[in-house]
Amino acid sequence: MSVKESLTQVEHQIWLLSNVFWWYLLPFTISILAFFGHVTWQASKNWLEALGGGGPLFAFLLAIFYFVDYINQHAVRTQLEPRRQELLALLANLGDESTIENASIV
């Protein structure tokens, strides 16, 4: 595998982990909130009671999503970004060496 392919894979992994919420969590969360909102609305007597009944679920989902996002961003910062910087430096060094080799041949 070449350095460029590795760099492309690392950058793609960074993009995926940065967008987990928007592409993987948010779509089914809308469905979950709509379902539980409807059930809470049906079981309550008025809109204030319904709003109070749905609050804990919303807070729980918000806490879970914050935790998942924190784990993903921590992985990007501590593992993937340093690897990306190493690959960029390696690619720059390889580019410099190939330029030197081409110049010495001529």
PDB file of N, CA and C in Angstrom:
ATOM      1  N   MET A   1       0.853  -1.171   0.000  1.00  0.00           N
ATOM      2  CA  MET A   1       0.000   0.000   0.000  1.00  0.00           C
ATOM      3  C   MET A   1       0.901   1.238   0.000  1.00  0.00           C
ATOM      4  N   SER A   2       0.539   2.201  -0.781  1.00  0.00           N
ATOM      5  CA  SER A   2       1.346   3.410  -0.880  1.00  0.00           C
ATOM      6  C   SER A   2       0.974   4.412   0.220  1.00  0.00           C
ATOM      7  N   VAL A   3       1.831   5.392   0.372  1.00  0.00           N
ATOM      8  CA  VAL A   3       1.608   6.426   1.382  1.00  0.00           C
ATOM      9  C   VAL A   3       0.361   7.230   1.039  1.00  0.00           C
ATOM     10  N   LYS A   4       0.149   7.496  -0.241  1.00  0.00           N
ATOM     11  CA  LYS A   4      -1.038   8.278  -0.645  1.00  0.00           C
ATOM     12  C   LYS A   4      -2.324   7.520  -0.334  1.00  0.00           C
ATOM     13  N   GLU A   5      -2.317   6.205  -0.568  1.00  0.00           N
ATOM     14  CA  GLU A   5      -3.509   5.408  -0.249  1.00  0.00           C
ATOM     15  C   GLU A   5      -3.770   5.398   1.259  1.00  0.00           C
ATOM     16  N   SER A   6      -2.706   5.256   2.034  1.00  0.00           N
ATOM     17  CA  SER A   6      -2.854   5.279   3.494  1.00  0.00           C
ATOM     18  C   SER A   6      -3.376   6.624   3.974  1.00  0.00           C
ATOM     19  N   LEU A   7      -2.863   7.689   3.390  1.00  0.00           N
ATOM     20  CA  LEU A   7      -3.321   9.032   3.751  1.00  0.00           C
ATOM     21  C   LEU A   7      -4.795   9.213   3.397  1.00  0.00           C
ATOM     22  N   THR A   8      -5.185   8.710   2.243  1.00  0.00           N
ATOM     23  CA  THR A   8      -6.591   8.799   1.826  1.00  0.00           C
ATOM     24  C   THR A   8      -7.482   8.028   2.793  1.00  0.00           C
ATOM     25  N   GLN A   9      -7.055   6.854   3.217  1.00  0.00           N
ATOM     26  CA  GLN A   9      -7.848   6.058   4.155  1.00  0.00           C
ATOM     27  C   GLN A   9      -7.968   6.745   5.515  1.00  0.00           C
ATOM     28  N   VAL A  10      -6.881   7.309   5.998  1.00  0.00           N
ATOM     29  CA  VAL A  10      -6.912   8.005   7.289  1.00  0.00           C
ATOM     30  C   VAL A  10      -7.815   9.231   7.210  1.00  0.00           C
ATOM     31  N   GLU A  11      -7.729   9.993   6.134  1.00  0.00           N
ATOM     32  CA  GLU A  11      -8.587  11.171   5.990  1.00  0.00           C
ATOM     33  C   GLU A  11     -10.056  10.770   5.889  1.00  0.00           C
ATOM     34  N   HIS A  12     -10.330   9.647   5.224  1.00  0.00           N
ATOM     35  CA  HIS A  12     -11.708   9.171   5.140  1.00  0.00           C
ATOM     36  C   HIS A  12     -12.214   8.746   6.525  1.00  0.00           C
ATOM     37  N   GLN A  13     -11.363   8.081   7.290  1.00  0.00           N
ATOM     38  CA  GLN A  13     -11.744   7.683   8.644  1.00  0.00           C
ATOM     39  C   GLN A  13     -11.999   8.899   9.518  1.00  0.00           C
ATOM     40  N   ILE A  14     -11.192   9.939   9.371  1.00  0.00           N
ATOM     41  CA  ILE A  14     -11.413  11.187  10.112  1.00  0.00           C
ATOM     42  C   ILE A  14     -12.764  11.779   9.734  1.00  0.00           C
ATOM     43  N   TRP A  15     -13.080  11.790   8.446  1.00  0.00           N
ATOM     44  CA  TRP A  15     -14.362  12.331   7.998  1.00  0.00           C
ATOM     45  C   TRP A  15     -15.518  11.521   8.576  1.00  0.00           C
ATOM     46  N   LEU A  16     -15.399  10.187   8.548  1.00  0.00           N
ATOM     47  CA  LEU A  16     -16.471   9.349   9.081  1.00  0.00           C
ATOM     48  C   LEU A  16     -16.706   9.600  10.567  1.00  0.00           C
ATOM     49  N   LEU A  17     -15.631   9.630  11.340  1.00  0.00           N
ATOM     50  CA  LEU A  17     -15.795   9.845  12.777  1.00  0.00           C
ATOM     51  C   LEU A  17     -16.279  11.249  13.099  1.00  0.00           C
ATOM     52  N   SER A  18     -15.969  12.200  12.254  1.00  0.00           N
ATOM     53  CA  SER A  18     -16.444  13.567  12.477  1.00  0.00           C
ATOM     54  C   SER A  18     -17.920  13.722  12.138  1.00  0.00           C
ATOM     55  N   ASN A  19     -18.459  12.816  11.343  1.00  0.00           N
ATOM     56  CA  ASN A  19     -19.850  12.934  10.900  1.00  0.00           C
ATOM     57  C   ASN A  19     -20.748  11.807  11.384  1.00  0.00           C
ATOM     58  N   VAL A  20     -20.334  11.093  12.423  1.00  0.00           N
ATOM     59  CA  VAL A  20     -21.156   9.996  12.946  1.00  0.00           C
ATOM     60  C   VAL A  20     -22.524  10.501  13.372  1.00  0.00           C
ATOM     61  N   PHE A  21     -22.583  11.609  14.049  1.00  0.00           N
ATOM     62  CA  PHE A  21     -23.876  12.108  14.533  1.00  0.00           C
ATOM     63  C   PHE A  21     -24.831  12.369  13.382  1.00  0.00           C
ATOM     64  N   TRP A  22     -24.365  13.098  12.374  1.00  0.00           N
ATOM     65  CA  TRP A  22     -25.254  13.517  11.289  1.00  0.00           C
ATOM     66  C   TRP A  22     -25.722  12.361  10.414  1.00  0.00           C
ATOM     67  N   TRP A  23     -24.861  11.378  10.172  1.00  0.00           N
ATOM     68  CA  TRP A  23     -25.200  10.318   9.240  1.00  0.00           C
ATOM     69  C   TRP A  23     -25.710   9.049   9.890  1.00  0.00           C
ATOM     70  N   TYR A  24     -25.349   8.786  11.158  1.00  0.00           N
ATOM     71  CA  TYR A  24     -25.722   7.528  11.785  1.00  0.00           C
ATOM     72  C   TYR A  24     -26.660   7.681  12.973  1.00  0.00           C
ATOM     73  N   LEU A  25     -26.502   8.724  13.766  1.00  0.00           N
ATOM     74  CA  LEU A  25     -27.320   8.858  14.965  1.00  0.00           C
ATOM     75  C   LEU A  25     -28.576   9.688  14.757  1.00  0.00           C
ATOM     76  N   LEU A  26     -28.463  10.792  14.059  1.00  0.00           N
ATOM     77  CA  LEU A  26     -29.600  11.694  13.902  1.00  0.00           C
ATOM     78  C   LEU A  26     -30.800  11.069  13.167  1.00  0.00           C
ATOM     79  N   PRO A  27     -30.609  10.317  12.084  1.00  0.00           N
ATOM     80  CA  PRO A  27     -31.791   9.786  11.393  1.00  0.00           C
ATOM     81  C   PRO A  27     -32.681   8.910  12.263  1.00  0.00           C
ATOM     82  N   PHE A  28     -32.110   7.962  12.999  1.00  0.00           N
ATOM     83  CA  PHE A  28     -32.985   7.126  13.809  1.00  0.00           C
ATOM     84  C   PHE A  28     -33.418   7.829  15.089  1.00  0.00           C
ATOM     85  N   THR A  29     -32.698   8.851  15.515  1.00  0.00           N
ATOM     86  CA  THR A  29     -33.100   9.610  16.694  1.00  0.00           C
ATOM     87  C   THR A  29     -34.394  10.371  16.430  1.00  0.00           C
ATOM     88  N   ILE A  30     -34.526  10.896  15.236  1.00  0.00           N
ATOM     89  CA  ILE A  30     -35.772  11.592  14.878  1.00  0.00           C
ATOM     90  C   ILE A  30     -36.948  10.636  14.982  1.00  0.00           C
ATOM     91  N   SER A  31     -36.763   9.411  14.507  1.00  0.00           N
ATOM     92  CA  SER A  31     -37.829   8.410  14.594  1.00  0.00           C
ATOM     93  C   SER A  31     -38.137   8.049  16.040  1.00  0.00           C
ATOM     94  N   ILE A  32     -37.100   7.848  16.837  1.00  0.00           N
ATOM     95  CA  ILE A  32     -37.304   7.495  18.245  1.00  0.00           C
ATOM     96  C   ILE A  32     -38.039   8.612  18.977  1.00  0.00           C
ATOM     97  N   LEU A  33     -37.601   9.853  18.767  1.00  0.00           N
ATOM     98  CA  LEU A  33     -38.250  10.981  19.442  1.00  0.00           C
ATOM     99  C   LEU A  33     -39.691  11.167  18.976  1.00  0.00           C
ATOM    100  N   ALA A  34     -39.947  10.946  17.693  1.00  0.00           N
ATOM    101  CA  ALA A  34     -41.320  11.062  17.196  1.00  0.00           C
ATOM    102  C   ALA A  34     -42.212   9.991  17.828  1.00  0.00           C
ATOM    103  N   PHE A  35     -41.704   8.771  17.917  1.00  0.00           N
ATOM    104  CA  PHE A  35     -42.487   7.689  18.517  1.00  0.00           C
ATOM    105  C   PHE A  35     -42.779   7.971  19.985  1.00  0.00           C
ATOM    106  N   PHE A  36     -41.729   8.257  20.769  1.00  0.00           N
ATOM    107  CA  PHE A  36     -41.948   8.494  22.190  1.00  0.00           C
ATOM    108  C   PHE A  36     -42.716   9.781  22.443  1.00  0.00           C
ATOM    109  N   GLY A  37     -42.542  10.783  21.594  1.00  0.00           N
ATOM    110  CA  GLY A  37     -43.341  12.002  21.717  1.00  0.00           C
ATOM    111  C   GLY A  37     -44.816  11.722  21.496  1.00  0.00           C
ATOM    112  N   HIS A  38     -45.108  10.882  20.506  1.00  0.00           N
ATOM    113  CA  HIS A  38     -46.504  10.532  20.227  1.00  0.00           C
ATOM    114  C   HIS A  38     -47.110   9.725  21.380  1.00  0.00           C
ATOM    115  N   VAL A  39     -46.374   8.761  21.885  1.00  0.00           N
ATOM    116  CA  VAL A  39     -46.869   7.953  23.004  1.00  0.00           C
ATOM    117  C   VAL A  39     -47.074   8.828  24.240  1.00  0.00           C
ATOM    118  N   THR A  40     -46.141   9.720  24.509  1.00  0.00           N
ATOM    119  CA  THR A  40     -46.272  10.616  25.660  1.00  0.00           C
ATOM    120  C   THR A  40     -47.465  11.544  25.484  1.00  0.00           C
ATOM    121  N   TRP A  41     -47.658  12.043  24.281  1.00  0.00           N
ATOM    122  CA  TRP A  41     -48.795  12.930  23.988  1.00  0.00           C
ATOM    123  C   TRP A  41     -50.123  12.199  24.193  1.00  0.00           C
ATOM    124  N   GLN A  42     -50.180  10.957  23.746  1.00  0.00           N
ATOM    125  CA  GLN A  42     -51.403  10.162  23.893  1.00  0.00           C
ATOM    126  C   GLN A  42     -51.712   9.879  25.372  1.00  0.00           C
ATOM    127  N   ALA A  43     -50.667   9.665  26.173  1.00  0.00           N
ATOM    128  CA  ALA A  43     -50.871   9.296  27.570  1.00  0.00           C
ATOM    129  C   ALA A  43     -51.067  10.503  28.488  1.00  0.00           C
ATOM    130  N   SER A  44     -50.788  11.693  28.019  1.00  0.00           N
ATOM    131  CA  SER A  44     -50.878  12.873  28.883  1.00  0.00           C
ATOM    132  C   SER A  44     -52.225  13.569  28.716  1.00  0.00           C
ATOM    133  N   LYS A  45     -52.534  14.426  29.694  1.00  0.00           N
ATOM    134  CA  LYS A  45     -53.799  15.150  29.684  1.00  0.00           C
ATOM    135  C   LYS A  45     -53.697  16.480  28.950  1.00  0.00           C
ATOM    136  N   ASN A  46     -52.491  17.095  28.994  1.00  0.00           N
ATOM    137  CA  ASN A  46     -52.298  18.377  28.309  1.00  0.00           C
ATOM    138  C   ASN A  46     -50.863  18.462  27.796  1.00  0.00           C
ATOM    139  N   TRP A  47     -50.546  19.533  27.100  1.00  0.00           N
ATOM    140  CA  TRP A  47     -49.227  19.633  26.467  1.00  0.00           C
ATOM    141  C   TRP A  47     -48.104  19.842  27.476  1.00  0.00           C
ATOM    142  N   LEU A  48     -48.388  20.468  28.624  1.00  0.00           N
ATOM    143  CA  LEU A  48     -47.358  20.636  29.655  1.00  0.00           C
ATOM    144  C   LEU A  48     -46.949  19.298  30.252  1.00  0.00           C
ATOM    145  N   GLU A  49     -47.917  18.451  30.495  1.00  0.00           N
ATOM    146  CA  GLU A  49     -47.618  17.114  31.015  1.00  0.00           C
ATOM    147  C   GLU A  49     -46.846  16.301  29.973  1.00  0.00           C
ATOM    148  N   ALA A  50     -47.198  16.444  28.718  1.00  0.00           N
ATOM    149  CA  ALA A  50     -46.494  15.735  27.646  1.00  0.00           C
ATOM    150  C   ALA A  50     -45.055  16.217  27.527  1.00  0.00           C
ATOM    151  N   LEU A  51     -44.870  17.527  27.652  1.00  0.00           N
ATOM    152  CA  LEU A  51     -43.524  18.089  27.570  1.00  0.00           C
ATOM    153  C   LEU A  51     -42.672  17.607  28.738  1.00  0.00           C
ATOM    154  N   GLY A  52     -43.249  17.536  29.915  1.00  0.00           N
ATOM    155  CA  GLY A  52     -42.516  17.041  31.084  1.00  0.00           C
ATOM    156  C   GLY A  52     -42.201  15.567  30.992  1.00  0.00           C
ATOM    157  N   GLY A  53     -43.069  14.806  30.362  1.00  0.00           N
ATOM    158  CA  GLY A  53     -42.846  13.364  30.226  1.00  0.00           C
ATOM    159  C   GLY A  53     -41.775  13.028  29.204  1.00  0.00           C
ATOM    160  N   GLY A  54     -41.599  13.865  28.203  1.00  0.00           N
ATOM    161  CA  GLY A  54     -40.594  13.592  27.170  1.00  0.00           C
ATOM    162  C   GLY A  54     -39.226  14.159  27.485  1.00  0.00           C
ATOM    163  N   GLY A  55     -39.128  15.028  28.466  1.00  0.00           N
ATOM    164  CA  GLY A  55     -37.864  15.667  28.807  1.00  0.00           C
ATOM    165  C   GLY A  55     -36.758  14.716  29.225  1.00  0.00           C
ATOM    166  N   PRO A  56     -37.047  13.750  30.114  1.00  0.00           N
ATOM    167  CA  PRO A  56     -35.984  12.821  30.527  1.00  0.00           C
ATOM    168  C   PRO A  56     -35.427  11.989  29.367  1.00  0.00           C
ATOM    169  N   LEU A  57     -36.289  11.566  28.454  1.00  0.00           N
ATOM    170  CA  LEU A  57     -35.813  10.795  27.301  1.00  0.00           C
ATOM    171  C   LEU A  57     -34.901  11.652  26.434  1.00  0.00           C
ATOM    172  N   PHE A  58     -35.315  12.888  26.195  1.00  0.00           N
ATOM    173  CA  PHE A  58     -34.496  13.788  25.384  1.00  0.00           C
ATOM    174  C   PHE A  58     -33.142  14.032  26.050  1.00  0.00           C
ATOM    175  N   ALA A  59     -33.140  14.233  27.367  1.00  0.00           N
ATOM    176  CA  ALA A  59     -31.889  14.463  28.098  1.00  0.00           C
ATOM    177  C   ALA A  59     -30.998  13.220  28.046  1.00  0.00           C
ATOM    178  N   PHE A  60     -31.601  12.045  28.171  1.00  0.00           N
ATOM    179  CA  PHE A  60     -30.844  10.798  28.101  1.00  0.00           C
ATOM    180  C   PHE A  60     -30.201  10.626  26.726  1.00  0.00           C
ATOM    181  N   LEU A  61     -30.965  10.847  25.659  1.00  0.00           N
ATOM    182  CA  LEU A  61     -30.415  10.729  24.301  1.00  0.00           C
ATOM    183  C   LEU A  61     -29.326  11.765  24.051  1.00  0.00           C
ATOM    184  N   LEU A  62     -29.531  12.969  24.552  1.00  0.00           N
ATOM    185  CA  LEU A  62     -28.531  14.014  24.403  1.00  0.00           C
ATOM    186  C   LEU A  62     -27.222  13.622  25.104  1.00  0.00           C
ATOM    187  N   ALA A  63     -27.333  13.047  26.297  1.00  0.00           N
ATOM    188  CA  ALA A  63     -26.139  12.614  27.033  1.00  0.00           C
ATOM    189  C   ALA A  63     -25.422  11.484  26.299  1.00  0.00           C
ATOM    190  N   ILE A  64     -26.168  10.541  25.771  1.00  0.00           N
ATOM    191  CA  ILE A  64     -25.560   9.425  25.017  1.00  0.00           C
ATOM    192  C   ILE A  64     -24.848   9.965  23.782  1.00  0.00           C
ATOM    193  N   PHE A  65     -25.489  10.849  23.038  1.00  0.00           N
ATOM    194  CA  PHE A  65     -24.891  11.379  21.810  1.00  0.00           C
ATOM    195  C   PHE A  65     -23.659  12.220  22.113  1.00  0.00           C
ATOM    196  N   TYR A  66     -23.691  12.973  23.194  1.00  0.00           N
ATOM    197  CA  TYR A  66     -22.515  13.748  23.580  1.00  0.00           C
ATOM    198  C   TYR A  66     -21.353  12.813  23.893  1.00  0.00           C
ATOM    199  N   PHE A  67     -21.635  11.733  24.611  1.00  0.00           N
ATOM    200  CA  PHE A  67     -20.602  10.769  24.960  1.00  0.00           C
ATOM    201  C   PHE A  67     -20.020  10.104  23.707  1.00  0.00           C
ATOM    202  N   VAL A  68     -20.872   9.680  22.784  1.00  0.00           N
ATOM    203  CA  VAL A  68     -20.401   9.055  21.545  1.00  0.00           C
ATOM    204  C   VAL A  68     -19.570  10.040  20.735  1.00  0.00           C
ATOM    205  N   ASP A  69     -20.034  11.283  20.640  1.00  0.00           N
ATOM    206  CA  ASP A  69     -19.284  12.295  19.900  1.00  0.00           C
ATOM    207  C   ASP A  69     -17.941  12.584  20.571  1.00  0.00           C
ATOM    208  N   TYR A  70     -17.923  12.622  21.893  1.00  0.00           N
ATOM    209  CA  TYR A  70     -16.673  12.852  22.619  1.00  0.00           C
ATOM    210  C   TYR A  70     -15.677  11.724  22.342  1.00  0.00           C
ATOM    211  N   ILE A  71     -16.130  10.495  22.382  1.00  0.00           N
ATOM    212  CA  ILE A  71     -15.242   9.351  22.110  1.00  0.00           C
ATOM    213  C   ILE A  71     -14.693   9.431  20.687  1.00  0.00           C
ATOM    214  N   ASN A  72     -15.549   9.737  19.725  1.00  0.00           N
ATOM    215  CA  ASN A  72     -15.108   9.825  18.326  1.00  0.00           C
ATOM    216  C   ASN A  72     -14.106  10.956  18.127  1.00  0.00           C
ATOM    217  N   GLN A  73     -14.379  12.122  18.675  1.00  0.00           N
ATOM    218  CA  GLN A  73     -13.470  13.245  18.505  1.00  0.00           C
ATOM    219  C   GLN A  73     -12.149  13.008  19.235  1.00  0.00           C
ATOM    220  N   HIS A  74     -12.202  12.315  20.359  1.00  0.00           N
ATOM    221  CA  HIS A  74     -10.978  11.963  21.081  1.00  0.00           C
ATOM    222  C   HIS A  74     -10.126  11.015  20.233  1.00  0.00           C
ATOM    223  N   ALA A  75     -10.769  10.053  19.582  1.00  0.00           N
ATOM    224  CA  ALA A  75     -10.038   9.127  18.702  1.00  0.00           C
ATOM    225  C   ALA A  75      -9.413   9.869  17.531  1.00  0.00           C
ATOM    226  N   VAL A  76     -10.134  10.834  16.983  1.00  0.00           N
ATOM    227  CA  VAL A  76      -9.587  11.623  15.868  1.00  0.00           C
ATOM    228  C   VAL A  76      -8.371  12.409  16.339  1.00  0.00           C
ATOM    229  N   ARG A  77      -8.490  13.083  17.487  1.00  0.00           N
ATOM    230  CA  ARG A  77      -7.388  13.915  17.993  1.00  0.00           C
ATOM    231  C   ARG A  77      -6.168  13.112  18.407  1.00  0.00           C
ATOM    232  N   THR A  78      -6.376  11.973  19.072  1.00  0.00           N
ATOM    233  CA  THR A  78      -5.246  11.250  19.649  1.00  0.00           C
ATOM    234  C   THR A  78      -4.654  10.191  18.738  1.00  0.00           C
ATOM    235  N   GLN A  79      -5.444   9.650  17.808  1.00  0.00           N
ATOM    236  CA  GLN A  79      -4.948   8.555  16.977  1.00  0.00           C
ATOM    237  C   GLN A  79      -4.840   8.917  15.507  1.00  0.00           C
ATOM    238  N   LEU A  80      -5.907   9.431  14.951  1.00  0.00           N
ATOM    239  CA  LEU A  80      -5.928   9.624  13.499  1.00  0.00           C
ATOM    240  C   LEU A  80      -5.198  10.877  13.044  1.00  0.00           C
ATOM    241  N   GLU A  81      -5.349  11.968  13.762  1.00  0.00           N
ATOM    242  CA  GLU A  81      -4.682  13.209  13.350  1.00  0.00           C
ATOM    243  C   GLU A  81      -3.158  13.095  13.428  1.00  0.00           C
ATOM    244  N   PRO A  82      -2.583  12.505  14.499  1.00  0.00           N
ATOM    245  CA  PRO A  82      -1.130  12.304  14.482  1.00  0.00           C
ATOM    246  C   PRO A  82      -0.666  11.394  13.334  1.00  0.00           C
ATOM    247  N   ARG A  83      -1.448  10.351  13.043  1.00  0.00           N
ATOM    248  CA  ARG A  83      -1.106   9.469  11.926  1.00  0.00           C
ATOM    249  C   ARG A  83      -1.167  10.217  10.607  1.00  0.00           C
ATOM    250  N   ARG A  84      -2.161  11.068  10.470  1.00  0.00           N
ATOM    251  CA  ARG A  84      -2.285  11.879   9.252  1.00  0.00           C
ATOM    252  C   ARG A  84      -1.079  12.805   9.091  1.00  0.00           C
ATOM    253  N   GLN A  85      -0.663  13.438  10.192  1.00  0.00           N
ATOM    254  CA  GLN A  85       0.499  14.323  10.127  1.00  0.00           C
ATOM    255  C   GLN A  85       1.771  13.555   9.773  1.00  0.00           C
ATOM    256  N   GLU A  86       1.926  12.341  10.340  1.00  0.00           N
ATOM    257  CA  GLU A  86       3.086  11.514  10.000  1.00  0.00           C
ATOM    258  C   GLU A  86       3.094  11.147   8.523  1.00  0.00           C
ATOM    259  N   LEU A  87       1.932  10.779   8.002  1.00  0.00           N
ATOM    260  CA  LEU A  87       1.844  10.410   6.587  1.00  0.00           C
ATOM    261  C   LEU A  87       2.116  11.611   5.684  1.00  0.00           C
ATOM    262  N   LEU A  88       1.633  12.781   6.075  1.00  0.00           N
ATOM    263  CA  LEU A  88       1.911  13.980   5.284  1.00  0.00           C
ATOM    264  C   LEU A  88       3.405  14.305   5.289  1.00  0.00           C
ATOM    265  N   ALA A  89       4.034  14.155   6.453  1.00  0.00           N
ATOM    266  CA  ALA A  89       5.476  14.408   6.536  1.00  0.00           C
ATOM    267  C   ALA A  89       6.252  13.384   5.714  1.00  0.00           C
ATOM    268  N   LEU A  90       5.843  12.126   5.784  1.00  0.00           N
ATOM    269  CA  LEU A  90       6.500  11.083   4.997  1.00  0.00           C
ATOM    270  C   LEU A  90       6.334  11.337   3.510  1.00  0.00           C
ATOM    271  N   LEU A  91       5.148  11.743   3.119  1.00  0.00           N
ATOM    272  CA  LEU A  91       4.896  12.043   1.709  1.00  0.00           C
ATOM    273  C   LEU A  91       5.735  13.227   1.249  1.00  0.00           C
ATOM    274  N   ALA A  92       5.874  14.236   2.090  1.00  0.00           N
ATOM    275  CA  ALA A  92       6.712  15.393   1.739  1.00  0.00           C
ATOM    276  C   ALA A  92       8.174  14.984   1.633  1.00  0.00           C
ATOM    277  N   ASN A  93       8.650  14.150   2.553  1.00  0.00           N
ATOM    278  CA  ASN A  93      10.042  13.683   2.499  1.00  0.00           C
ATOM    279  C   ASN A  93      10.299  12.819   1.268  1.00  0.00           C
ATOM    280  N   LEU A  94       9.354  11.977   0.943  1.00  0.00           N
ATOM    281  CA  LEU A  94       9.508  11.141  -0.253  1.00  0.00           C
ATOM    282  C   LEU A  94       9.516  11.995  -1.510  1.00  0.00           C
ATOM    283  N   GLY A  95       8.696  13.032  -1.531  1.00  0.00           N
ATOM    284  CA  GLY A  95       8.677  13.944  -2.672  1.00  0.00           C
ATOM    285  C   GLY A  95       9.996  14.670  -2.808  1.00  0.00           C
ATOM    286  N   ASP A  96      10.597  15.088  -1.682  1.00  0.00           N
ATOM    287  CA  ASP A  96      11.892  15.769  -1.706  1.00  0.00           C
ATOM    288  C   ASP A  96      12.985  14.835  -2.191  1.00  0.00           C
ATOM    289  N   GLU A  97      12.975  13.582  -1.727  1.00  0.00           N
ATOM    290  CA  GLU A  97      13.996  12.623  -2.133  1.00  0.00           C
ATOM    291  C   GLU A  97      13.899  12.291  -3.606  1.00  0.00           C
ATOM    292  N   SER A  98      12.690  12.148  -4.123  1.00  0.00           N
ATOM    293  CA  SER A  98      12.555  11.834  -5.548  1.00  0.00           C
ATOM    294  C   SER A  98      13.000  13.023  -6.399  1.00  0.00           C
ATOM    295  N   THR A  99      12.804  14.246  -5.918  1.00  0.00           N
ATOM    296  CA  THR A  99      13.272  15.428  -6.636  1.00  0.00           C
ATOM    297  C   THR A  99      14.795  15.456  -6.646  1.00  0.00           C
ATOM    298  N   ILE A 100      15.409  15.122  -5.524  1.00  0.00           N
ATOM    299  CA  ILE A 100      16.878  15.095  -5.438  1.00  0.00           C
ATOM    300  C   ILE A 100      17.436  14.009  -6.350  1.00  0.00           C
ATOM    301  N   GLU A 101      16.816  12.831  -6.346  1.00  0.00           N
ATOM    302  CA  GLU A 101      17.293  11.728  -7.192  1.00  0.00           C
ATOM    303  C   GLU A 101      17.183  12.104  -8.661  1.00  0.00           C
ATOM    304  N   ASN A 102      16.090  12.716  -9.066  1.00  0.00           N
ATOM    305  CA  ASN A 102      15.917  13.122 -10.466  1.00  0.00           C
ATOM    306  C   ASN A 102      16.944  14.179 -10.848  1.00  0.00           C
ATOM    307  N   ALA A 103      17.287  15.076  -9.956  1.00  0.00           N
ATOM    308  CA  ALA A 103      18.247  16.120 -10.242  1.00  0.00           C
ATOM    309  C   ALA A 103      19.659  15.530 -10.366  1.00  0.00           C
ATOM    310  N   SER A 104      19.981  14.509  -9.549  1.00  0.00           N
ATOM    311  CA  SER A 104      21.320  13.932  -9.600  1.00  0.00           C
ATOM    312  C   SER A 104      21.503  13.061 -10.845  1.00  0.00           C
ATOM    313  N   ILE A 105      20.436  12.502 -11.378  1.00  0.00           N
ATOM    314  CA  ILE A 105      20.515  11.682 -12.577  1.00  0.00           C
ATOM    315  C   ILE A 105      20.806  12.525 -13.795  1.00  0.00           C
ATOM    316  N   VAL A 106      20.230  13.708 -13.848  1.00  0.00           N
ATOM    317  CA  VAL A 106      20.392  14.587 -15.008  1.00  0.00           C
ATOM    318  C   VAL A 106      21.723  15.185 -15.011  1.00  0.00           C
TER     319      VAL A 106
END
